[in-house]
C-alpha atoms as a PDB file:
ATOM      1  CA  UNK A   1     139.979  85.015 182.005  1.00  0.00           C
ATOM      2  CA  UNK A   2     141.920  81.806 181.547  1.00  0.00           C
ATOM      3  CA  UNK A   3     140.115  78.473 181.423  1.00  0.00           C
ATOM      4  CA  UNK A   4     141.672  75.897 183.753  1.00  0.00           C
ATOM      5  CA  UNK A   5     139.258  73.086 182.923  1.00  0.00           C
ATOM      6  CA  UNK A   6     136.020  71.347 183.774  1.00  0.00           C
ATOM      7  CA  UNK A   7     135.119  69.061 186.643  1.00  0.00           C
ATOM      8  CA  UNK A   8     132.871  66.189 185.643  1.00  0.00           C
ATOM      9  CA  UNK A   9     129.426  65.987 187.181  1.00  0.00           C
ATOM     10  CA  UNK A  10     126.339  64.117 185.914  1.00  0.00           C
ATOM     11  CA  UNK A  11     123.884  67.036 186.230  1.00  0.00           C
ATOM     12  CA  UNK A  12     125.962  70.227 186.357  1.00  0.00           C
ATOM     13  CA  UNK A  13     128.585  71.853 184.222  1.00  0.00           C
ATOM     14  CA  UNK A  14     131.399  72.839 186.574  1.00  0.00           C
ATOM     15  CA  UNK A  15     134.148  75.044 185.148  1.00  0.00           C
ATOM     16  CA  UNK A  16     137.262  76.467 186.746  1.00  0.00           C
ATOM     17  CA  UNK A  17     138.855  79.718 185.565  1.00  0.00           C
ATOM     18  CA  UNK A  18     141.720  81.923 186.693  1.00  0.00           C
ATOM     19  CA  UNK A  19     141.299  85.709 186.592  1.00  0.00           C
ATOM     20  CA  UNK A  20     142.824  88.660 188.476  1.00  0.00           C
ATOM     21  CA  UNK A  21     144.546  86.500 191.105  1.00  0.00           C
ATOM     22  CA  UNK A  22     141.317  84.618 191.767  1.00  0.00           C
ATOM     23  CA  UNK A  23     140.018  81.209 190.912  1.00  0.00           C
ATOM     24  CA  UNK A  24     136.493  81.384 189.557  1.00  0.00           C
ATOM     25  CA  UNK A  25     134.394  78.269 190.107  1.00  0.00           C
ATOM     26  CA  UNK A  26     131.273  78.333 187.940  1.00  0.00           C
ATOM     27  CA  UNK A  27     128.413  75.855 188.137  1.00  0.00           C
ATOM     28  CA  UNK A  28     125.767  75.827 185.402  1.00  0.00           C
ATOM     29  CA  UNK A  29     122.444  74.070 185.111  1.00  0.00           C
ATOM     30  CA  UNK A  30     120.303  74.964 182.120  1.00  0.00           C
ATOM     31  CA  UNK A  31     120.064  78.730 181.840  1.00  0.00           C
ATOM     32  CA  UNK A  32     121.169  79.354 185.448  1.00  0.00           C
ATOM     33  CA  UNK A  33     124.619  79.643 186.969  1.00  0.00           C
ATOM     34  CA  UNK A  34     126.307  80.083 190.328  1.00  0.00           C
ATOM     35  CA  UNK A  35     129.776  81.570 190.606  1.00  0.00           C
ATOM     36  CA  UNK A  36     132.263  81.467 193.468  1.00  0.00           C
ATOM     37  CA  UNK A  37     135.452  83.531 193.440  1.00  0.00           C
ATOM     38  CA  UNK A  38     138.361  82.479 195.640  1.00  0.00           C
ATOM     39  CA  UNK A  39     141.465  84.613 196.079  1.00  0.00           C
ATOM     40  CA  UNK A  40     144.761  82.817 195.651  1.00  0.00           C
ATOM     41  CA  UNK A  41     145.706  84.328 199.009  1.00  0.00           C
ATOM     42  CA  UNK A  42     142.955  82.301 200.720  1.00  0.00           C
ATOM     43  CA  UNK A  43     144.324  78.966 199.506  1.00  0.00           C
ATOM     44  CA  UNK A  44     147.515  77.031 200.094  1.00  0.00           C
ATOM     45  CA  UNK A  45     150.046  77.298 197.258  1.00  0.00           C
ATOM     46  CA  UNK A  46     148.852  75.133 194.387  1.00  0.00           C
ATOM     47  CA  UNK A  47     151.063  74.053 191.492  1.00  0.00           C
ATOM     48  CA  UNK A  48     149.485  75.113 188.216  1.00  0.00           C
ATOM     49  CA  UNK A  49     149.300  71.520 187.009  1.00  0.00           C
ATOM     50  CA  UNK A  50     147.329  70.594 190.165  1.00  0.00           C
ATOM     51  CA  UNK A  51     144.645  73.318 190.064  1.00  0.00           C
ATOM     52  CA  UNK A  52     141.858  71.177 188.658  1.00  0.00           C
ATOM     53  CA  UNK A  53     142.660  68.211 190.908  1.00  0.00           C
ATOM     54  CA  UNK A  54     142.759  70.469 193.974  1.00  0.00           C
ATOM     55  CA  UNK A  55     139.327  71.945 193.281  1.00  0.00           C
ATOM     56  CA  UNK A  56     137.873  68.554 192.335  1.00  0.00           C
ATOM     57  CA  UNK A  57     138.810  67.267 195.807  1.00  0.00           C
ATOM     58  CA  UNK A  58     137.767  70.537 197.457  1.00  0.00           C
ATOM     59  CA  UNK A  59     134.194  70.278 196.168  1.00  0.00           C
ATOM     60  CA  UNK A  60     132.494  67.975 198.648  1.00  0.00           C
ATOM     61  CA  UNK A  61     129.254  66.030 198.173  1.00  0.00           C
ATOM     62  CA  UNK A  62     127.604  68.305 200.774  1.00  0.00           C
ATOM     63  CA  UNK A  63     128.697  71.409 198.859  1.00  0.00           C
ATOM     64  CA  UNK A  64     127.265  69.975 195.623  1.00  0.00           C
ATOM     65  CA  UNK A  65     124.043  68.997 197.396  1.00  0.00           C
ATOM     66  CA  UNK A  66     123.625  72.625 198.503  1.00  0.00           C
ATOM     67  CA  UNK A  67     124.448  73.889 195.008  1.00  0.00           C
ATOM     68  CA  UNK A  68     121.755  71.669 193.489  1.00  0.00           C
ATOM     69  CA  UNK A  69     119.211  72.729 196.134  1.00  0.00           C
ATOM     70  CA  UNK A  70     120.002  76.364 195.369  1.00  0.00           C
ATOM     71  CA  UNK A  71     119.471  75.690 191.647  1.00  0.00           C
ATOM     72  CA  UNK A  72     116.031  74.262 192.440  1.00  0.00           C
ATOM     73  CA  UNK A  73     115.178  77.434 194.371  1.00  0.00           C
ATOM     74  CA  UNK A  74     116.470  79.578 191.522  1.00  0.00           C
ATOM     75  CA  UNK A  75     114.432  77.621 188.951  1.00  0.00           C
ATOM     76  CA  UNK A  76     111.294  78.018 191.066  1.00  0.00           C
ATOM     77  CA  UNK A  77     111.825  81.759 191.543  1.00  0.00           C
ATOM     78  CA  UNK A  78     112.570  82.278 187.872  1.00  0.00           C
ATOM     79  CA  UNK A  79     109.468  80.324 186.818  1.00  0.00           C
ATOM     80  CA  UNK A  80     107.348  82.420 189.193  1.00  0.00           C
ATOM     81  CA  UNK A  81     108.795  85.554 187.623  1.00  0.00           C
ATOM     82  CA  UNK A  82     107.977  84.336 184.113  1.00  0.00           C
ATOM     83  CA  UNK A  83     104.446  83.327 185.155  1.00  0.00           C
ATOM     84  CA  UNK A  84     103.621  86.668 186.788  1.00  0.00           C
END
Protein backbone atom coordinates (compact mmCIF):
# COMPACT_ATOMS: atom_id res chain seq x y z
CA UNK A 1 0.00 0.00 0.00
CA UNK A 2 1.40 3.36 -1.02
CA UNK A 3 0.78 6.43 1.12
CA UNK A 4 -0.50 9.38 -0.91
CA UNK A 5 -0.79 11.79 2.01
CA UNK A 6 -2.98 13.20 4.73
CA UNK A 7 -5.87 15.63 4.57
CA UNK A 8 -5.94 18.10 7.43
CA UNK A 9 -8.88 18.04 9.79
CA UNK A 10 -9.12 19.40 13.36
CA UNK A 11 -10.62 16.25 14.94
CA UNK A 12 -9.87 13.36 12.58
CA UNK A 13 -6.82 11.86 10.99
CA UNK A 14 -7.64 11.44 7.31
CA UNK A 15 -5.17 9.46 5.20
CA UNK A 16 -5.20 8.58 1.53
CA UNK A 17 -3.52 5.44 0.17
CA UNK A 18 -3.26 3.71 -3.18
CA UNK A 19 -3.48 -0.09 -3.34
CA UNK A 20 -4.54 -2.65 -5.97
CA UNK A 21 -6.01 -0.06 -8.35
CA UNK A 22 -8.03 1.48 -5.53
CA UNK A 23 -7.77 4.62 -3.49
CA UNK A 24 -8.20 3.89 0.20
CA UNK A 25 -9.56 6.77 2.26
CA UNK A 26 -9.07 6.13 5.98
CA UNK A 27 -10.49 8.26 8.77
CA UNK A 28 -9.28 7.71 12.34
CA UNK A 29 -10.50 9.02 15.66
CA UNK A 30 -8.86 7.60 18.76
CA UNK A 31 -8.84 3.82 18.53
CA UNK A 32 -11.55 3.68 15.84
CA UNK A 33 -11.32 3.95 12.07
CA UNK A 34 -13.53 4.04 9.00
CA UNK A 35 -12.23 3.01 5.60
CA UNK A 36 -13.62 3.68 2.14
CA UNK A 37 -12.18 2.02 -0.96
CA UNK A 38 -12.76 3.61 -4.36
CA UNK A 39 -11.79 1.92 -7.60
CA UNK A 40 -9.84 4.04 -10.04
CA UNK A 41 -12.42 2.98 -12.61
CA UNK A 42 -15.15 4.82 -10.66
CA UNK A 43 -13.34 8.17 -10.82
CA UNK A 44 -12.33 10.51 -13.60
CA UNK A 45 -8.66 10.28 -14.59
CA UNK A 46 -6.60 12.01 -11.92
CA UNK A 47 -2.98 13.06 -12.39
CA UNK A 48 -0.83 11.51 -9.68
CA UNK A 49 0.26 14.93 -8.44
CA UNK A 50 -3.42 15.91 -7.99
CA UNK A 51 -4.65 12.88 -5.99
CA UNK A 52 -4.62 14.53 -2.59
CA UNK A 53 -6.16 17.78 -3.86
CA UNK A 54 -8.90 15.85 -5.67
CA UNK A 55 -9.91 13.91 -2.56
CA UNK A 56 -9.64 17.00 -0.35
CA UNK A 57 -12.25 18.72 -2.55
CA UNK A 58 -14.29 15.52 -2.87
CA UNK A 59 -14.79 15.22 0.90
CA UNK A 60 -17.70 17.53 1.62
CA UNK A 61 -18.71 19.03 4.97
CA UNK A 62 -21.85 16.83 4.91
CA UNK A 63 -19.74 13.71 4.35
CA UNK A 64 -17.49 14.65 7.28
CA UNK A 65 -20.51 15.40 9.46
CA UNK A 66 -21.80 11.87 8.79
CA UNK A 67 -18.35 10.38 9.45
CA UNK A 68 -18.18 12.11 12.84
CA UNK A 69 -21.73 11.01 13.72
CA UNK A 70 -20.80 7.44 12.83
CA UNK A 71 -17.72 7.69 15.08
CA UNK A 72 -19.97 8.77 17.96
CA UNK A 73 -22.17 5.71 17.36
CA UNK A 74 -19.11 3.48 17.19
CA UNK A 75 -17.71 4.92 20.44
CA UNK A 76 -21.04 4.36 22.18
CA UNK A 77 -21.33 0.77 20.94
CA UNK A 78 -17.75 0.00 21.87
CA UNK A 79 -18.18 1.46 25.36
CA UNK A 80 -21.33 -0.64 25.84
CA UNK A 81 -19.37 -3.72 24.81
CA UNK A 82 -16.59 -2.95 27.30
CA UNK A 83 -19.11 -2.27 30.08
CA UNK A 84 -21.04 -5.51 29.57
